[in-house]
Amino acid sequence: MRKDIHTNYQEVLFHDTNADEFFLTRSTAKTKSTRQYEGKEYQYYTLDISSESHPFYTGEQSK
């Protein structure tokens, strides 16, 4: 397998700013900011919407 062709796969802290919820998952997303979460520093990425705030998942979707 060739070296240095894959992006860095790391833990990233996602923040749904609409619902003020945090999600920690592994991702290749590159960010310029970091944030402390549960005593450890992670790459930090903000979201406008996620399953915590999307009307389809929260049951607030109008028909």
N, C-alpha and C. Protein backbone atom coordinates (compact mmCIF):
# COMPACT_ATOMS: atom_id res chain seq x y z
N MET A 1 0.84 -1.18 0.00
CA MET A 1 0.00 0.00 0.00
C MET A 1 0.89 1.24 0.00
N ARG A 2 0.53 2.23 -0.78
CA ARG A 2 1.32 3.46 -0.87
C ARG A 2 1.16 4.29 0.39
N LYS A 3 2.25 4.92 0.80
CA LYS A 3 2.23 5.76 1.99
C LYS A 3 1.80 7.19 1.64
N ASP A 4 1.25 7.87 2.63
CA ASP A 4 0.91 9.30 2.55
C ASP A 4 -0.11 9.65 1.47
N ILE A 5 -1.02 8.75 1.15
CA ILE A 5 -2.07 9.08 0.17
C ILE A 5 -3.43 9.23 0.84
N HIS A 6 -3.54 8.80 2.09
CA HIS A 6 -4.82 8.85 2.80
C HIS A 6 -4.89 10.08 3.70
N THR A 7 -6.07 10.64 3.81
CA THR A 7 -6.26 11.79 4.69
C THR A 7 -6.24 11.32 6.14
N ASN A 8 -6.00 12.25 7.04
CA ASN A 8 -5.92 11.95 8.46
C ASN A 8 -7.32 11.66 9.01
N TYR A 9 -7.53 10.46 9.51
CA TYR A 9 -8.81 10.03 10.08
C TYR A 9 -8.69 10.16 11.59
N GLN A 10 -9.43 11.10 12.19
CA GLN A 10 -9.26 11.42 13.61
C GLN A 10 -10.60 11.69 14.26
N GLU A 11 -10.60 11.78 15.59
CA GLU A 11 -11.81 12.14 16.31
C GLU A 11 -12.05 13.63 16.15
N VAL A 12 -13.29 13.98 15.81
CA VAL A 12 -13.68 15.39 15.61
C VAL A 12 -14.93 15.65 16.43
N LEU A 13 -14.96 16.79 17.09
CA LEU A 13 -16.12 17.20 17.87
C LEU A 13 -17.02 18.07 17.00
N PHE A 14 -18.23 17.59 16.72
CA PHE A 14 -19.21 18.35 15.96
C PHE A 14 -20.19 19.00 16.92
N HIS A 15 -20.57 20.24 16.64
CA HIS A 15 -21.47 20.99 17.50
C HIS A 15 -22.66 21.49 16.69
N ASP A 16 -23.84 20.95 17.00
CA ASP A 16 -25.08 21.45 16.39
C ASP A 16 -25.45 22.71 17.16
N THR A 17 -25.19 23.87 16.57
CA THR A 17 -25.41 25.13 17.27
C THR A 17 -26.89 25.45 17.45
N ASN A 18 -27.74 24.89 16.62
CA ASN A 18 -29.18 25.11 16.75
C ASN A 18 -29.75 24.42 17.98
N ALA A 19 -29.31 23.20 18.26
CA ALA A 19 -29.80 22.44 19.41
C ALA A 19 -28.81 22.48 20.58
N ASP A 20 -27.64 23.09 20.38
CA ASP A 20 -26.57 23.13 21.37
C ASP A 20 -26.20 21.73 21.86
N GLU A 21 -26.04 20.81 20.91
CA GLU A 21 -25.65 19.43 21.19
C GLU A 21 -24.29 19.15 20.57
N PHE A 22 -23.51 18.30 21.23
CA PHE A 22 -22.18 17.94 20.76
C PHE A 22 -22.16 16.46 20.36
N PHE A 23 -21.42 16.15 19.30
CA PHE A 23 -21.25 14.79 18.81
C PHE A 23 -19.77 14.54 18.61
N LEU A 24 -19.27 13.48 19.17
CA LEU A 24 -17.87 13.11 18.98
C LEU A 24 -17.84 11.87 18.10
N THR A 25 -17.19 12.00 16.96
CA THR A 25 -17.09 10.88 16.02
C THR A 25 -15.78 11.00 15.24
N ARG A 26 -15.45 9.96 14.52
CA ARG A 26 -14.23 9.99 13.71
C ARG A 26 -14.56 10.53 12.33
N SER A 27 -13.66 11.35 11.80
CA SER A 27 -13.91 12.00 10.54
C SER A 27 -12.59 12.43 9.89
N THR A 28 -12.65 12.72 8.60
CA THR A 28 -11.50 13.28 7.89
C THR A 28 -11.62 14.79 7.75
N ALA A 29 -12.65 15.39 8.37
CA ALA A 29 -12.86 16.84 8.30
C ALA A 29 -11.65 17.57 8.86
N LYS A 30 -11.20 18.59 8.14
CA LYS A 30 -10.08 19.41 8.60
C LYS A 30 -10.64 20.72 9.13
N THR A 31 -10.24 21.08 10.33
CA THR A 31 -10.71 22.32 10.94
C THR A 31 -9.52 23.15 11.39
N LYS A 32 -9.78 24.43 11.59
CA LYS A 32 -8.74 25.33 12.10
C LYS A 32 -8.87 25.55 13.59
N SER A 33 -9.99 25.10 14.18
CA SER A 33 -10.20 25.35 15.60
C SER A 33 -10.27 24.03 16.38
N THR A 34 -9.99 24.14 17.66
CA THR A 34 -10.07 23.00 18.57
C THR A 34 -10.91 23.40 19.76
N ARG A 35 -11.36 22.40 20.51
CA ARG A 35 -12.17 22.67 21.70
C ARG A 35 -12.00 21.54 22.70
N GLN A 36 -12.00 21.89 23.98
CA GLN A 36 -11.93 20.90 25.05
C GLN A 36 -13.31 20.26 25.21
N TYR A 37 -13.31 18.94 25.34
CA TYR A 37 -14.56 18.21 25.56
C TYR A 37 -14.24 16.99 26.41
N GLU A 38 -14.88 16.91 27.57
CA GLU A 38 -14.68 15.81 28.51
C GLU A 38 -13.19 15.60 28.82
N GLY A 39 -12.47 16.71 29.01
CA GLY A 39 -11.09 16.65 29.44
C GLY A 39 -10.06 16.40 28.35
N LYS A 40 -10.47 16.39 27.10
CA LYS A 40 -9.54 16.15 26.00
C LYS A 40 -9.79 17.18 24.91
N GLU A 41 -8.75 17.54 24.17
CA GLU A 41 -8.88 18.54 23.11
C GLU A 41 -9.10 17.84 21.76
N TYR A 42 -10.11 18.32 21.03
CA TYR A 42 -10.47 17.73 19.74
C TYR A 42 -10.54 18.81 18.67
N GLN A 43 -10.43 18.41 17.42
CA GLN A 43 -10.75 19.29 16.31
C GLN A 43 -12.23 19.62 16.45
N TYR A 44 -12.62 20.86 16.15
CA TYR A 44 -13.97 21.35 16.41
C TYR A 44 -14.62 21.83 15.12
N TYR A 45 -15.84 21.35 14.86
CA TYR A 45 -16.57 21.68 13.64
C TYR A 45 -18.00 22.01 14.00
N THR A 46 -18.50 23.19 13.57
CA THR A 46 -19.88 23.58 13.89
C THR A 46 -20.82 23.19 12.76
N LEU A 47 -22.05 22.84 13.15
CA LEU A 47 -23.11 22.48 12.21
C LEU A 47 -24.32 23.37 12.45
N ASP A 48 -25.04 23.69 11.39
CA ASP A 48 -26.28 24.45 11.55
C ASP A 48 -27.44 23.53 11.91
N ILE A 49 -27.37 22.29 11.48
CA ILE A 49 -28.47 21.36 11.71
C ILE A 49 -27.93 19.93 11.76
N SER A 50 -28.55 19.10 12.58
CA SER A 50 -28.21 17.68 12.67
C SER A 50 -29.49 16.93 13.03
N SER A 51 -29.36 15.67 13.34
CA SER A 51 -30.55 14.89 13.71
C SER A 51 -31.18 15.39 15.00
N GLU A 52 -30.42 16.12 15.82
CA GLU A 52 -30.97 16.67 17.06
C GLU A 52 -31.87 17.87 16.83
N SER A 53 -31.73 18.56 15.70
CA SER A 53 -32.53 19.75 15.47
C SER A 53 -33.34 19.72 14.18
N HIS A 54 -33.15 18.71 13.34
CA HIS A 54 -33.87 18.63 12.07
C HIS A 54 -35.33 18.25 12.34
N PRO A 55 -36.29 18.97 11.76
CA PRO A 55 -37.71 18.70 12.01
C PRO A 55 -38.14 17.27 11.72
N PHE A 56 -37.56 16.62 10.75
CA PHE A 56 -37.94 15.24 10.44
C PHE A 56 -37.63 14.31 11.62
N TYR A 57 -36.48 14.50 12.25
CA TYR A 57 -36.07 13.63 13.35
C TYR A 57 -36.66 14.04 14.69
N THR A 58 -37.02 15.30 14.84
CA THR A 58 -37.56 15.75 16.12
C THR A 58 -39.08 15.59 16.19
N GLY A 59 -39.72 15.22 15.07
CA GLY A 59 -41.16 15.05 15.05
C GLY A 59 -41.92 16.34 14.85
N GLU A 60 -41.25 17.41 14.51
CA GLU A 60 -41.89 18.71 14.32
C GLU A 60 -42.15 19.02 12.86
N GLN A 61 -41.98 18.05 12.00
CA GLN A 61 -42.18 18.25 10.56
C GLN A 61 -43.66 18.44 10.28
N SER A 62 -43.98 19.47 9.51
CA SER A 62 -45.37 19.70 9.14
C SER A 62 -45.68 18.94 7.88
N LYS A 63 -46.94 18.54 7.75
CA LYS A 63 -47.34 17.74 6.59
C LYS A 63 -47.94 18.57 5.51
